[in-house]
Amino acid sequence: MGIDGVPEKMLAAQVVEFNKPYKIVTIPTPSSLAEQDLLLKVKVASLCHTDGMVSAGIMGTSLPCIASHEGCGEVVAIGSSVTQFQTGDRVMAGIPMHRCGRCTDCLGPEVLKHYCPNIGGHVGVTLDGAFAEYMVVDARESSLVPVGVSYATAAPMACAEITIWGGLVRAQLKAGETVAIVGAGGGLGHLGCQFAKAMGLRVVGIDARDEGLESARHSKADVVDRCEIGEGQGGGRGGKGHRRGGCGCDPDNK
């Protein structure tokens, strides 16, 4: 028996063979939920480097598997024990599914609960993901999308944003202190610059590319620093400790 108001079939993009393109298929829509699950009608799903690793067979994924671990959508059904969400809510999909809540990783004192050895899996990596019309996520790992934040902005937050955010939090820096972000103009780095500034930190943005430096400036880095690792003394590439083009600071952020 299906879920009221939800079609019996849906479109999805699956990994059906490693090192091959996704296949668009029509498959049954999820028809049952565990007590802490949500069923989302997917609004936006994004692509990450890890998706390439899944497609290459590096992540131990059982096939077929619906791709993408970066998704968000509207709640259309909730599990029997879910209290923090209701139908119609806009939700960013969490990646971990069904942590045990009993092991030392879940109980602490550290906060790295996603290392639970008894975890049920990870959305879009070892379990079906967000490249579908509907997806199942764990309510305990998911978050409301704030008013004014678009689905397109929210979709990668469970992966890219939380990665750089976690690094900043674990650094345990205090407002007024300085953090250097290598690759400050990249996908995670430019987010790190913005998060660090919001935390009251002074940001040194390091990158090797003109566009990366410009991105770091745009993301409000206090100082940008060009560093390039390249030609060694012997003419070979990648000489240890040698910088091609030097390393320069732009303290005026110009």
C-alpha atoms as a PDB file:
ATOM      1  CA  MET A   1       0.000   0.000   0.000  1.00  0.00           C
ATOM      2  CA  GLY A   2       1.327   3.443  -0.925  1.00  0.00           C
ATOM      3  CA  ILE A   3       1.298   6.759   0.912  1.00  0.00           C
ATOM      4  CA  ASP A   4      -1.837   8.882   0.548  1.00  0.00           C
ATOM      5  CA  GLY A   5      -1.484  11.581  -2.080  1.00  0.00           C
ATOM      6  CA  VAL A   6       1.802  10.219  -3.422  1.00  0.00           C
ATOM      7  CA  PRO A   7       1.955   8.605  -6.888  1.00  0.00           C
ATOM      8  CA  GLU A   8       2.894   4.946  -7.066  1.00  0.00           C
ATOM      9  CA  LYS A   9       5.683   5.544  -9.611  1.00  0.00           C
ATOM     10  CA  MET A  10       8.420   8.165  -9.958  1.00  0.00           C
ATOM     11  CA  LEU A  11      11.300   9.091 -12.217  1.00  0.00           C
ATOM     12  CA  ALA A  12      14.854   8.684 -10.897  1.00  0.00           C
ATOM     13  CA  ALA A  13      18.453   8.853 -12.112  1.00  0.00           C
ATOM     14  CA  GLN A  14      20.234   5.704 -10.992  1.00  0.00           C
ATOM     15  CA  VAL A  15      23.759   4.391 -11.018  1.00  0.00           C
ATOM     16  CA  VAL A  16      23.125   1.015 -12.645  1.00  0.00           C
ATOM     17  CA  GLU A  17      26.689   0.246 -13.731  1.00  0.00           C
ATOM     18  CA  PHE A  18      29.952   1.677 -12.449  1.00  0.00           C
ATOM     19  CA  ASN A  19      31.835   4.091 -14.730  1.00  0.00           C
ATOM     20  CA  LYS A  20      28.749   4.531 -16.888  1.00  0.00           C
ATOM     21  CA  PRO A  21      26.274   7.450 -17.181  1.00  0.00           C
ATOM     22  CA  TYR A  22      23.221   7.593 -14.967  1.00  0.00           C
ATOM     23  CA  LYS A  23      20.130   5.857 -16.283  1.00  0.00           C
ATOM     24  CA  ILE A  24      16.730   7.553 -16.110  1.00  0.00           C
ATOM     25  CA  VAL A  25      14.197   4.996 -14.910  1.00  0.00           C
ATOM     26  CA  THR A  26      10.614   4.770 -13.707  1.00  0.00           C
ATOM     27  CA  ILE A  27      10.498   2.959 -10.377  1.00  0.00           C
ATOM     28  CA  PRO A  28       8.101   2.567  -7.433  1.00  0.00           C
ATOM     29  CA  THR A  29       7.863   5.572  -5.153  1.00  0.00           C
ATOM     30  CA  PRO A  30       8.826   4.793  -1.523  1.00  0.00           C
ATOM     31  CA  SER A  31       5.685   3.387   0.047  1.00  0.00           C
ATOM     32  CA  SER A  32       6.593   3.089   3.738  1.00  0.00           C
ATOM     33  CA  LEU A  33       8.527   5.097   6.308  1.00  0.00           C
ATOM     34  CA  ALA A  34      10.412   4.185   9.467  1.00  0.00           C
ATOM     35  CA  GLU A  35       9.239   6.038  12.556  1.00  0.00           C
ATOM     36  CA  GLN A  36      11.857   8.810  12.232  1.00  0.00           C
ATOM     37  CA  ASP A  37      11.718   9.188   8.445  1.00  0.00           C
ATOM     38  CA  LEU A  38      10.451  11.922   6.166  1.00  0.00           C
ATOM     39  CA  LEU A  39       9.292  11.578   2.583  1.00  0.00           C
ATOM     40  CA  LEU A  40      10.320  14.636   0.567  1.00  0.00           C
ATOM     41  CA  LYS A  41       9.065  15.743  -2.808  1.00  0.00           C
ATOM     42  CA  VAL A  42      12.440  16.755  -4.208  1.00  0.00           C
ATOM     43  CA  LYS A  43      12.712  20.346  -5.408  1.00  0.00           C
ATOM     44  CA  VAL A  44      16.469  20.620  -6.039  1.00  0.00           C
ATOM     45  CA  ALA A  45      19.321  18.096  -5.992  1.00  0.00           C
ATOM     46  CA  SER A  46      22.951  18.918  -6.737  1.00  0.00           C
ATOM     47  CA  LEU A  47      26.065  17.103  -7.897  1.00  0.00           C
ATOM     48  CA  CYS A  48      29.220  16.697  -5.806  1.00  0.00           C
ATOM     49  CA  HIS A  49      32.682  15.227  -6.360  1.00  0.00           C
ATOM     50  CA  THR A  50      31.626  12.310  -4.159  1.00  0.00           C
ATOM     51  CA  ASP A  51      28.965  11.435  -6.732  1.00  0.00           C
ATOM     52  CA  GLY A  52      31.793  10.711  -9.159  1.00  0.00           C
ATOM     53  CA  MET A  53      33.353   8.405  -6.574  1.00  0.00           C
ATOM     54  CA  VAL A  54      30.026   6.612  -6.156  1.00  0.00           C
ATOM     55  CA  SER A  55      29.743   6.208  -9.929  1.00  0.00           C
ATOM     56  CA  ALA A  56      33.286   4.835 -10.043  1.00  0.00           C
ATOM     57  CA  GLY A  57      32.489   2.163  -7.456  1.00  0.00           C
ATOM     58  CA  ILE A  58      34.840   3.603  -4.826  1.00  0.00           C
ATOM     59  CA  MET A  59      32.229   3.985  -2.071  1.00  0.00           C
ATOM     60  CA  GLY A  60      31.058   0.377  -1.872  1.00  0.00           C
ATOM     61  CA  THR A  61      27.625   1.214  -3.245  1.00  0.00           C
ATOM     62  CA  SER A  62      25.229  -1.586  -4.066  1.00  0.00           C
ATOM     63  CA  LEU A  63      23.558  -1.126  -7.435  1.00  0.00           C
ATOM     64  CA  PRO A  64      21.186   0.119  -8.618  1.00  0.00           C
ATOM     65  CA  CYS A  65      21.277   3.264  -6.467  1.00  0.00           C
ATOM     66  CA  ILE A  66      19.634   6.651  -6.959  1.00  0.00           C
ATOM     67  CA  ALA A  67      22.380   9.273  -7.125  1.00  0.00           C
ATOM     68  CA  SER A  68      22.976  12.558  -5.241  1.00  0.00           C
ATOM     69  CA  HIS A  69      23.445  13.147  -1.523  1.00  0.00           C
ATOM     70  CA  GLU A  70      22.639  16.868  -1.773  1.00  0.00           C
ATOM     71  CA  GLY A  71      18.898  17.366  -1.870  1.00  0.00           C
ATOM     72  CA  CYS A  72      16.071  19.399  -0.477  1.00  0.00           C
ATOM     73  CA  GLY A  73      12.338  19.451  -0.898  1.00  0.00           C
ATOM     74  CA  GLU A  74       8.892  19.632   0.619  1.00  0.00           C
ATOM     75  CA  VAL A  75       7.687  17.200   3.283  1.00  0.00           C
ATOM     76  CA  VAL A  76       4.781  15.125   1.993  1.00  0.00           C
ATOM     77  CA  ALA A  77       4.715  12.398   4.666  1.00  0.00           C
ATOM     78  CA  ILE A  78       6.227  11.869   8.125  1.00  0.00           C
ATOM     79  CA  GLY A  79       7.091   8.841  10.237  1.00  0.00           C
ATOM     80  CA  SER A  80       5.076   8.000  13.337  1.00  0.00           C
ATOM     81  CA  SER A  81       7.636   9.446  15.788  1.00  0.00           C
ATOM     82  CA  VAL A  82       8.512  12.652  13.938  1.00  0.00           C
ATOM     83  CA  THR A  83       7.558  15.770  15.915  1.00  0.00           C
ATOM     84  CA  GLN A  84       9.915  18.455  14.589  1.00  0.00           C
ATOM     85  CA  PHE A  85       8.502  18.586  11.038  1.00  0.00           C
ATOM     86  CA  GLN A  86       5.099  18.648   9.412  1.00  0.00           C
ATOM     87  CA  THR A  87       3.821  18.227   5.893  1.00  0.00           C
ATOM     88  CA  GLY A  88       4.538  21.263   3.761  1.00  0.00           C
ATOM     89  CA  ASP A  89       7.799  22.123   5.509  1.00  0.00           C
ATOM     90  CA  ARG A  90      10.793  23.036   3.324  1.00  0.00           C
ATOM     91  CA  VAL A  91      13.636  20.724   4.355  1.00  0.00           C
ATOM     92  CA  MET A  92      17.316  20.204   3.622  1.00  0.00           C
ATOM     93  CA  ALA A  93      17.962  16.457   3.428  1.00  0.00           C
ATOM     94  CA  GLY A  94      20.432  15.070   5.938  1.00  0.00           C
ATOM     95  CA  ILE A  95      22.884  12.476   4.624  1.00  0.00           C
ATOM     96  CA  PRO A  96      23.206   9.919   7.506  1.00  0.00           C
ATOM     97  CA  MET A  97      20.355   7.464   8.017  1.00  0.00           C
ATOM     98  CA  HIS A  98      19.349   5.707  11.216  1.00  0.00           C
ATOM     99  CA  ARG A  99      22.269   6.086  13.592  1.00  0.00           C
ATOM    100  CA  CYS A 100      21.942   3.602  16.452  1.00  0.00           C
ATOM    101  CA  GLY A 101      21.970   6.164  19.292  1.00  0.00           C
ATOM    102  CA  ARG A 102      23.706   3.701  21.608  1.00  0.00           C
ATOM    103  CA  CYS A 103      27.383   3.495  20.597  1.00  0.00           C
ATOM    104  CA  THR A 104      30.171   5.748  21.850  1.00  0.00           C
ATOM    105  CA  ASP A 105      30.127   7.735  18.616  1.00  0.00           C
ATOM    106  CA  CYS A 106      26.444   8.517  19.073  1.00  0.00           C
ATOM    107  CA  LEU A 107      26.659   9.191  22.828  1.00  0.00           C
ATOM    108  CA  GLY A 108      29.859  11.255  22.817  1.00  0.00           C
ATOM    109  CA  PRO A 109      31.576  13.091  24.347  1.00  0.00           C
ATOM    110  CA  GLU A 110      32.741  13.924  20.817  1.00  0.00           C
ATOM    111  CA  VAL A 111      30.167  15.207  18.361  1.00  0.00           C
ATOM    112  CA  LEU A 112      31.142  13.137  15.303  1.00  0.00           C
ATOM    113  CA  LYS A 113      27.996  11.045  15.373  1.00  0.00           C
ATOM    114  CA  HIS A 114      28.132  10.284  11.651  1.00  0.00           C
ATOM    115  CA  TYR A 115      30.877   7.736  12.412  1.00  0.00           C
ATOM    116  CA  CYS A 116      28.352   5.457  14.125  1.00  0.00           C
ATOM    117  CA  PRO A 117      29.473   1.906  13.204  1.00  0.00           C
ATOM    118  CA  ASN A 118      25.877   0.728  13.195  1.00  0.00           C
ATOM    119  CA  ILE A 119      24.535   3.423  10.895  1.00  0.00           C
ATOM    120  CA  GLY A 120      21.902   2.397   8.374  1.00  0.00           C
ATOM    121  CA  GLY A 121      23.737   4.070   5.501  1.00  0.00           C
ATOM    122  CA  HIS A 122      24.195   7.395   3.749  1.00  0.00           C
ATOM    123  CA  VAL A 123      21.740   8.979   1.332  1.00  0.00           C
ATOM    124  CA  GLY A 124      23.007   8.966  -2.252  1.00  0.00           C
ATOM    125  CA  VAL A 125      26.144   7.029  -1.298  1.00  0.00           C
ATOM    126  CA  THR A 126      25.018   3.651   0.013  1.00  0.00           C
ATOM    127  CA  LEU A 127      21.261   4.355  -0.022  1.00  0.00           C
ATOM    128  CA  ASP A 128      18.950   5.899  -2.609  1.00  0.00           C
ATOM    129  CA  GLY A 129      19.489   9.639  -2.968  1.00  0.00           C
ATOM    130  CA  ALA A 130      18.004  12.855  -4.288  1.00  0.00           C
ATOM    131  CA  PHE A 131      18.056  12.492  -8.081  1.00  0.00           C
ATOM    132  CA  ALA A 132      14.422  11.418  -8.009  1.00  0.00           C
ATOM    133  CA  GLU A 133      10.977  12.919  -7.674  1.00  0.00           C
ATOM    134  CA  TYR A 134      10.743  11.670  -4.071  1.00  0.00           C
ATOM    135  CA  MET A 135      13.309  10.669  -1.453  1.00  0.00           C
ATOM    136  CA  VAL A 136      13.362   9.280   2.096  1.00  0.00           C
ATOM    137  CA  VAL A 137      15.524  11.006   4.722  1.00  0.00           C
ATOM    138  CA  ASP A 138      16.075  10.740   8.465  1.00  0.00           C
ATOM    139  CA  ALA A 139      14.248  13.591  10.224  1.00  0.00           C
ATOM    140  CA  ARG A 140      16.878  13.670  12.986  1.00  0.00           C
ATOM    141  CA  GLU A 141      19.585  14.537  10.455  1.00  0.00           C
ATOM    142  CA  SER A 142      17.598  17.046   8.408  1.00  0.00           C
ATOM    143  CA  SER A 143      16.973  20.772   8.812  1.00  0.00           C
ATOM    144  CA  LEU A 144      14.311  23.313   8.009  1.00  0.00           C
ATOM    145  CA  VAL A 145      15.196  25.638   5.145  1.00  0.00           C
ATOM    146  CA  PRO A 146      14.825  29.201   6.474  1.00  0.00           C
ATOM    147  CA  VAL A 147      12.438  31.625   4.832  1.00  0.00           C
ATOM    148  CA  GLY A 148      14.309  33.559   2.152  1.00  0.00           C
ATOM    149  CA  VAL A 149      16.779  30.744   1.421  1.00  0.00           C
ATOM    150  CA  SER A 150      16.135  29.151  -1.961  1.00  0.00           C
ATOM    151  CA  TYR A 151      16.072  25.409  -2.560  1.00  0.00           C
ATOM    152  CA  ALA A 152      19.033  25.867  -4.923  1.00  0.00           C
ATOM    153  CA  THR A 153      21.072  27.439  -2.123  1.00  0.00           C
ATOM    154  CA  ALA A 154      19.975  24.870   0.447  1.00  0.00           C
ATOM    155  CA  ALA A 155      20.607  21.689  -1.556  1.00  0.00           C
ATOM    156  CA  PRO A 156      24.419  21.480  -1.108  1.00  0.00           C
ATOM    157  CA  MET A 157      24.392  22.647   2.508  1.00  0.00           C
ATOM    158  CA  ALA A 158      24.294  19.112   3.934  1.00  0.00           C
ATOM    159  CA  CYS A 159      27.645  18.354   2.275  1.00  0.00           C
ATOM    160  CA  ALA A 160      29.815  21.258   1.114  1.00  0.00           C
ATOM    161  CA  GLU A 161      28.746  23.819   3.678  1.00  0.00           C
ATOM    162  CA  ILE A 162      28.748  21.477   6.658  1.00  0.00           C
ATOM    163  CA  THR A 163      32.231  20.235   5.709  1.00  0.00           C
ATOM    164  CA  ILE A 164      33.894  23.646   5.942  1.00  0.00           C
ATOM    165  CA  TRP A 165      31.666  24.700   8.844  1.00  0.00           C
ATOM    166  CA  GLY A 166      32.736  21.634  10.823  1.00  0.00           C
ATOM    167  CA  GLY A 167      36.405  22.505  10.305  1.00  0.00           C
ATOM    168  CA  LEU A 168      35.887  26.030  11.596  1.00  0.00           C
ATOM    169  CA  VAL A 169      33.949  24.851  14.645  1.00  0.00           C
ATOM    170  CA  ARG A 170      36.575  22.242  15.551  1.00  0.00           C
ATOM    171  CA  ALA A 171      39.318  24.864  15.327  1.00  0.00           C
ATOM    172  CA  GLN A 172      37.725  26.423  18.444  1.00  0.00           C
ATOM    173  CA  LEU A 173      38.740  29.937  17.461  1.00  0.00           C
ATOM    174  CA  LYS A 174      37.334  32.983  19.214  1.00  0.00           C
ATOM    175  CA  ALA A 175      36.047  36.191  17.657  1.00  0.00           C
ATOM    176  CA  GLY A 176      38.978  38.447  16.789  1.00  0.00           C
ATOM    177  CA  GLU A 177      41.379  35.562  16.110  1.00  0.00           C
ATOM    178  CA  THR A 178      42.756  34.743  12.654  1.00  0.00           C
ATOM    179  CA  VAL A 179      42.113  31.765  10.395  1.00  0.00           C
ATOM    180  CA  ALA A 180      43.879  30.988   7.109  1.00  0.00           C
ATOM    181  CA  ILE A 181      41.819  29.153   4.501  1.00  0.00           C
ATOM    182  CA  VAL A 182      43.739  27.379   1.734  1.00  0.00           C
ATOM    183  CA  GLY A 183      41.761  27.272  -1.500  1.00  0.00           C
ATOM    184  CA  ALA A 184      39.748  30.235  -0.235  1.00  0.00           C
ATOM    185  CA  GLY A 185      38.206  30.890  -3.628  1.00  0.00           C
ATOM    186  CA  GLY A 186      37.041  27.317  -4.206  1.00  0.00           C
ATOM    187  CA  GLY A 187      33.698  25.651  -3.657  1.00  0.00           C
ATOM    188  CA  LEU A 188      34.216  25.106   0.071  1.00  0.00           C
ATOM    189  CA  GLY A 189      36.758  27.859   0.637  1.00  0.00           C
ATOM    190  CA  HIS A 190      34.558  30.781  -0.371  1.00  0.00           C
ATOM    191  CA  LEU A 191      31.896  29.496   2.004  1.00  0.00           C
ATOM    192  CA  GLY A 192      34.510  29.168   4.743  1.00  0.00           C
ATOM    193  CA  CYS A 193      35.480  32.814   4.296  1.00  0.00           C
ATOM    194  CA  GLN A 194      31.881  33.902   4.764  1.00  0.00           C
ATOM    195  CA  PHE A 195      31.260  31.607   7.744  1.00  0.00           C
ATOM    196  CA  ALA A 196      34.503  32.747   9.425  1.00  0.00           C
ATOM    197  CA  LYS A 197      33.604  36.408   8.998  1.00  0.00           C
ATOM    198  CA  ALA A 198      30.158  35.735  10.478  1.00  0.00           C
ATOM    199  CA  MET A 199      31.959  34.152  13.461  1.00  0.00           C
ATOM    200  CA  GLY A 200      33.942  37.353  13.968  1.00  0.00           C
ATOM    201  CA  LEU A 201      37.251  35.922  12.741  1.00  0.00           C
ATOM    202  CA  ARG A 202      39.956  37.658  10.718  1.00  0.00           C
ATOM    203  CA  VAL A 203      40.334  35.726   7.456  1.00  0.00           C
ATOM    204  CA  VAL A 204      43.466  35.140   5.380  1.00  0.00           C
ATOM    205  CA  GLY A 205      42.361  33.704   2.048  1.00  0.00           C
ATOM    206  CA  ILE A 206      44.982  31.673   0.158  1.00  0.00           C
ATOM    207  CA  ASP A 207      44.615  30.601  -3.455  1.00  0.00           C
ATOM    208  CA  ALA A 208      46.710  30.036  -6.585  1.00  0.00           C
ATOM    209  CA  ARG A 209      44.280  31.340  -9.179  1.00  0.00           C
ATOM    210  CA  ASP A 210      43.252  34.858 -10.114  1.00  0.00           C
ATOM    211  CA  GLU A 211      39.595  33.876 -10.060  1.00  0.00           C
ATOM    212  CA  GLY A 212      40.096  32.184  -6.689  1.00  0.00           C
ATOM    213  CA  LEU A 213      41.649  35.309  -5.214  1.00  0.00           C
ATOM    214  CA  GLU A 214      38.816  37.421  -6.570  1.00  0.00           C
ATOM    215  CA  SER A 215      36.284  34.996  -5.090  1.00  0.00           C
ATOM    216  CA  ALA A 216      38.018  35.221  -1.692  1.00  0.00           C
ATOM    217  CA  ARG A 217      37.903  39.029  -1.865  1.00  0.00           C
ATOM    218  CA  HIS A 218      34.224  38.902  -2.782  1.00  0.00           C
ATOM    219  CA  SER A 219      33.679  36.573   0.211  1.00  0.00           C
ATOM    220  CA  LYS A 220      35.101  39.273   2.505  1.00  0.00           C
ATOM    221  CA  ALA A 221      38.541  37.813   3.289  1.00  0.00           C
ATOM    222  CA  ASP A 222      40.578  40.444   5.162  1.00  0.00           C
ATOM    223  CA  VAL A 223      43.815  39.459   3.402  1.00  0.00           C
ATOM    224  CA  VAL A 224      44.325  37.449   0.216  1.00  0.00           C
ATOM    225  CA  ASP A 225      47.573  35.589  -0.444  1.00  0.00           C
ATOM    226  CA  ARG A 226      48.673  34.002  -3.710  1.00  0.00           C
ATOM    227  CA  CYS A 227      50.643  30.761  -3.285  1.00  0.00           C
ATOM    228  CA  GLU A 228      51.552  28.413  -6.113  1.00  0.00           C
ATOM    229  CA  ILE A 229      53.439  25.129  -5.810  1.00  0.00           C
ATOM    230  CA  GLY A 230      55.058  24.296  -9.127  1.00  0.00           C
ATOM    231  CA  GLU A 231      58.450  24.083 -10.787  1.00  0.00           C
ATOM    232  CA  GLY A 232      61.284  22.615  -8.739  1.00  0.00           C
ATOM    233  CA  GLN A 233      64.927  23.701  -9.039  1.00  0.00           C
ATOM    234  CA  GLY A 234      65.736  20.812 -11.318  1.00  0.00           C
ATOM    235  CA  GLY A 235      63.098  21.852 -13.841  1.00  0.00           C
ATOM    236  CA  GLY A 236      60.656  19.092 -12.836  1.00  0.00           C
ATOM    237  CA  ARG A 237      57.116  19.704 -11.721  1.00  0.00           C
ATOM    238  CA  GLY A 238      56.132  19.732  -8.080  1.00  0.00           C
ATOM    239  CA  GLY A 239      59.550  20.393  -6.511  1.00  0.00           C
ATOM    240  CA  LYS A 240      59.155  20.232  -2.752  1.00  0.00           C
ATOM    241  CA  GLY A 241      58.986  23.583  -1.086  1.00  0.00           C
ATOM    242  CA  HIS A 242      59.448  25.668  -4.244  1.00  0.00           C
ATOM    243  CA  ARG A 243      56.908  28.197  -5.367  1.00  0.00           C
ATOM    244  CA  ARG A 244      56.449  29.151  -8.985  1.00  0.00           C
ATOM    245  CA  GLY A 245      55.435  32.771  -9.170  1.00  0.00           C
ATOM    246  CA  GLY A 246      56.174  33.326  -5.505  1.00  0.00           C
ATOM    247  CA  CYS A 247      53.889  34.004  -2.621  1.00  0.00           C
ATOM    248  CA  GLY A 248      52.514  37.494  -2.171  1.00  0.00           C
ATOM    249  CA  CYS A 249      50.165  39.202   0.229  1.00  0.00           C
ATOM    250  CA  ASP A 250      47.486  41.706  -0.597  1.00  0.00           C
ATOM    251  CA  PRO A 251      46.842  43.259   2.821  1.00  0.00           C
ATOM    252  CA  ASP A 252      44.637  45.959   1.353  1.00  0.00           C
ATOM    253  CA  ASN A 253      42.461  43.306  -0.309  1.00  0.00           C
ATOM    254  CA  LYS A 254      42.934  44.871  -3.741  1.00  0.00           C
END
